[in-house]
Protein backbone atom coordinates (compact mmCIF):
# COMPACT_ATOMS: atom_id res chain seq x y z
CA MET A 1 -202.01 145.59 -21.67
CA LYS A 2 -204.50 143.75 -23.85
CA SER A 3 -206.50 142.42 -20.89
CA SER A 4 -206.54 145.86 -19.26
CA TYR A 5 -207.82 147.44 -22.47
CA LYS A 6 -210.46 144.73 -22.71
CA LYS A 7 -211.63 145.53 -19.16
CA LEU A 8 -211.72 149.22 -20.01
CA CYS A 9 -213.84 148.52 -23.10
CA GLU A 10 -216.16 146.29 -21.08
CA GLY A 11 -216.64 149.10 -18.56
CA PHE A 12 -217.42 151.61 -21.29
CA ALA A 13 -219.74 149.09 -22.98
CA SER A 14 -221.77 148.49 -19.83
CA ALA A 15 -221.91 152.14 -18.77
CA GLY A 16 -222.52 153.43 -22.29
CA SER A 17 -224.94 150.80 -23.55
CA SER A 18 -227.55 153.34 -24.67
CA ILE A 19 -224.91 155.18 -26.72
CA LEU A 20 -223.74 151.93 -28.28
CA ASP A 21 -227.35 150.93 -29.04
CA GLU A 22 -227.74 154.15 -31.01
CA GLU A 23 -224.45 153.59 -32.85
CA GLU A 24 -225.63 150.10 -33.84
CA ARG A 25 -228.90 151.56 -35.06
CA LEU A 26 -226.85 153.88 -37.30
CA GLY A 27 -224.93 150.92 -38.74
CA ILE A 28 -221.72 151.08 -36.71
CA LYS A 29 -220.66 147.77 -35.19
CA ARG A 30 -220.89 147.77 -31.41
CA ASP A 31 -217.23 146.86 -30.79
CA LYS A 32 -216.03 149.54 -33.23
CA ALA A 33 -218.28 152.15 -31.59
CA CYS A 34 -216.96 151.15 -28.16
CA HIS A 35 -213.34 151.44 -29.31
CA ASN A 36 -214.13 154.89 -30.74
CA LEU A 37 -215.72 155.93 -27.44
CA VAL A 38 -212.69 154.75 -25.45
CA PHE A 39 -210.27 156.35 -27.91
CA ILE A 40 -212.03 159.73 -27.82
CA GLN A 41 -213.49 160.05 -24.31
CA PHE A 42 -210.98 158.26 -22.07
CA PRO A 43 -208.01 160.62 -22.65
CA ILE A 44 -210.27 163.64 -22.06
CA LEU A 45 -211.57 162.08 -18.84
CA MET A 46 -208.05 161.30 -17.61
CA LYS A 47 -206.83 164.82 -18.42
CA TRP A 48 -209.49 166.44 -16.24
CA VAL A 49 -209.13 163.94 -13.40
CA VAL A 50 -205.37 164.60 -13.34
CA LEU A 51 -205.96 168.36 -13.42
CA GLY A 52 -208.48 167.94 -10.58
CA GLY A 53 -205.59 167.51 -8.17
CA GLU A 54 -204.71 165.42 -5.16
CA SER A 55 -207.87 166.14 -3.18
CA LEU A 56 -210.11 164.93 -6.01
CA HIS A 57 -207.91 161.86 -6.54
CA ARG A 58 -208.21 160.99 -2.85
CA GLN A 59 -212.00 161.46 -2.85
CA LEU A 60 -212.45 159.32 -5.97
CA ALA A 61 -210.21 156.59 -4.53
CA GLU A 62 -212.10 156.58 -1.22
CA GLU A 63 -215.47 156.42 -2.97
CA THR A 64 -214.32 153.60 -5.26
CA ARG A 65 -212.72 151.59 -2.46
CA SER A 66 -215.74 151.83 -0.18
CA VAL A 67 -218.22 150.79 -2.87
CA VAL A 68 -216.00 148.02 -4.26
CA GLN A 69 -215.36 146.71 -0.74
CA GLU A 70 -219.12 146.33 -0.20
CA GLU A 71 -219.81 144.91 -3.67
CA ASN A 72 -216.56 142.89 -4.01
CA ARG A 73 -216.29 144.17 -7.59
CA VAL A 74 -217.13 147.07 -9.87
CA SER A 75 -220.60 146.61 -11.31
CA LEU A 76 -223.29 148.85 -12.76
CA ARG A 77 -224.97 148.85 -9.36
CA ALA A 78 -221.68 149.85 -7.75
CA LEU A 79 -221.12 152.60 -10.33
CA ASP A 80 -224.60 153.90 -9.66
CA ARG A 81 -223.61 154.45 -6.02
CA MET A 82 -220.43 156.35 -6.97
CA THR A 83 -221.99 159.81 -7.04
CA LEU A 84 -218.72 161.73 -7.26
CA THR A 85 -217.39 159.47 -10.01
CA LYS A 86 -220.57 160.00 -12.03
CA SER A 87 -220.43 163.74 -11.40
CA VAL A 88 -216.82 163.89 -12.63
CA VAL A 89 -217.75 162.02 -15.82
CA TYR A 90 -220.71 164.36 -16.48
CA GLU A 91 -218.58 167.41 -15.73
CA VAL A 92 -215.87 166.23 -18.13
CA MET A 93 -218.48 165.74 -20.86
CA ARG A 94 -219.80 169.24 -20.10
CA ILE A 95 -216.51 171.13 -20.02
CA GLU A 96 -214.88 169.34 -22.97
CA PRO A 97 -217.38 167.53 -25.17
CA ALA A 98 -215.75 164.74 -27.15
CA VAL A 99 -217.55 166.02 -30.24
CA SER A 100 -217.62 169.82 -30.23
CA PHE A 101 -219.45 170.35 -33.50
CA GLN A 102 -222.50 168.69 -35.00
CA TYR A 103 -224.08 169.44 -38.31
CA GLY A 104 -227.02 168.26 -40.32
CA LYS A 105 -229.72 169.26 -42.73
CA ALA A 106 -233.12 170.29 -41.37
CA ARG A 107 -235.73 167.66 -42.26
CA GLU A 108 -238.54 170.12 -41.64
CA ASP A 109 -239.03 173.78 -40.78
CA LEU A 110 -238.18 174.40 -37.15
CA VAL A 111 -237.41 177.08 -34.60
CA VAL A 112 -234.31 176.89 -32.40
CA GLU A 113 -234.65 179.01 -29.27
CA SER A 114 -232.09 180.31 -26.82
CA HIS A 115 -232.60 182.47 -23.74
CA ASP A 116 -233.18 185.65 -25.69
CA VAL A 117 -233.59 184.86 -29.40
CA ALA A 118 -235.22 182.37 -31.73
CA TYR A 119 -233.91 181.24 -35.10
CA VAL A 120 -236.19 180.03 -37.89
CA ILE A 121 -234.58 177.22 -39.85
CA LYS A 122 -236.18 176.11 -43.10
CA LYS A 123 -236.36 172.54 -44.34
CA GLY A 124 -233.18 171.68 -46.25
CA GLU A 125 -230.97 174.31 -44.61
CA MET A 126 -227.70 173.21 -43.04
CA ILE A 127 -227.42 173.50 -39.27
CA LEU A 128 -224.14 173.69 -37.35
CA GLY A 129 -224.18 173.22 -33.61
CA TYR A 130 -221.33 174.06 -31.27
CA GLN A 131 -221.68 172.17 -27.98
CA SER A 132 -219.86 174.71 -25.84
CA PHE A 133 -222.53 177.33 -26.50
CA ALA A 134 -224.79 175.13 -24.38
CA THR A 135 -222.35 173.37 -22.06
CA LYS A 136 -220.55 176.56 -21.01
CA ASP A 137 -223.58 178.83 -20.86
CA PRO A 138 -223.21 181.01 -17.73
CA LYS A 139 -227.01 181.39 -17.60
CA ILE A 140 -227.21 177.66 -16.95
CA PHE A 141 -223.94 176.81 -15.19
CA GLN A 142 -222.34 178.84 -12.42
CA ARG A 143 -218.58 179.09 -12.98
CA ALA A 144 -219.25 177.73 -16.48
CA GLU A 145 -215.61 177.92 -17.59
CA GLU A 146 -214.32 175.98 -14.56
CA PHE A 147 -214.07 172.25 -13.96
CA VAL A 148 -216.20 171.64 -10.86
CA ALA A 149 -215.98 167.95 -9.94
CA HIS A 150 -218.95 168.03 -7.54
CA ARG A 151 -221.24 170.00 -9.90
CA PHE A 152 -223.59 167.06 -10.55
CA VAL A 153 -223.62 165.52 -7.06
CA LEU A 154 -227.21 165.77 -5.87
């Protein structure tokens, strides 16, 4: 189990290096940030892959096997070629963000715009953001409330 978890963390660390760089910049140790990422994101990812059904499982397995067979291992280059796998990860992050709410204090006056309104926020005011307002916006995403595994395949 320990070696499997280590491999999982290594995969997250290589694929999420920019996220981990930012966490380090904020003072969180890289290994702790990686464990947090695995702890939060991995169960969400697995839930949606399982709910995706047999056809999705088969397609992901075929894509993984063909790329790994050519590369002889999973690498960043191999992952870059796994378009369905990447799409599934992006779609999971869209449909169920690991962090639904963000908040902060405005450092300066600013205007936050949506499709039809604009909000003036003054320096010092608290801001609360709810990810799903953006990630499930039907003006941006067709079938916004549905998990669509191929949504981000170009």
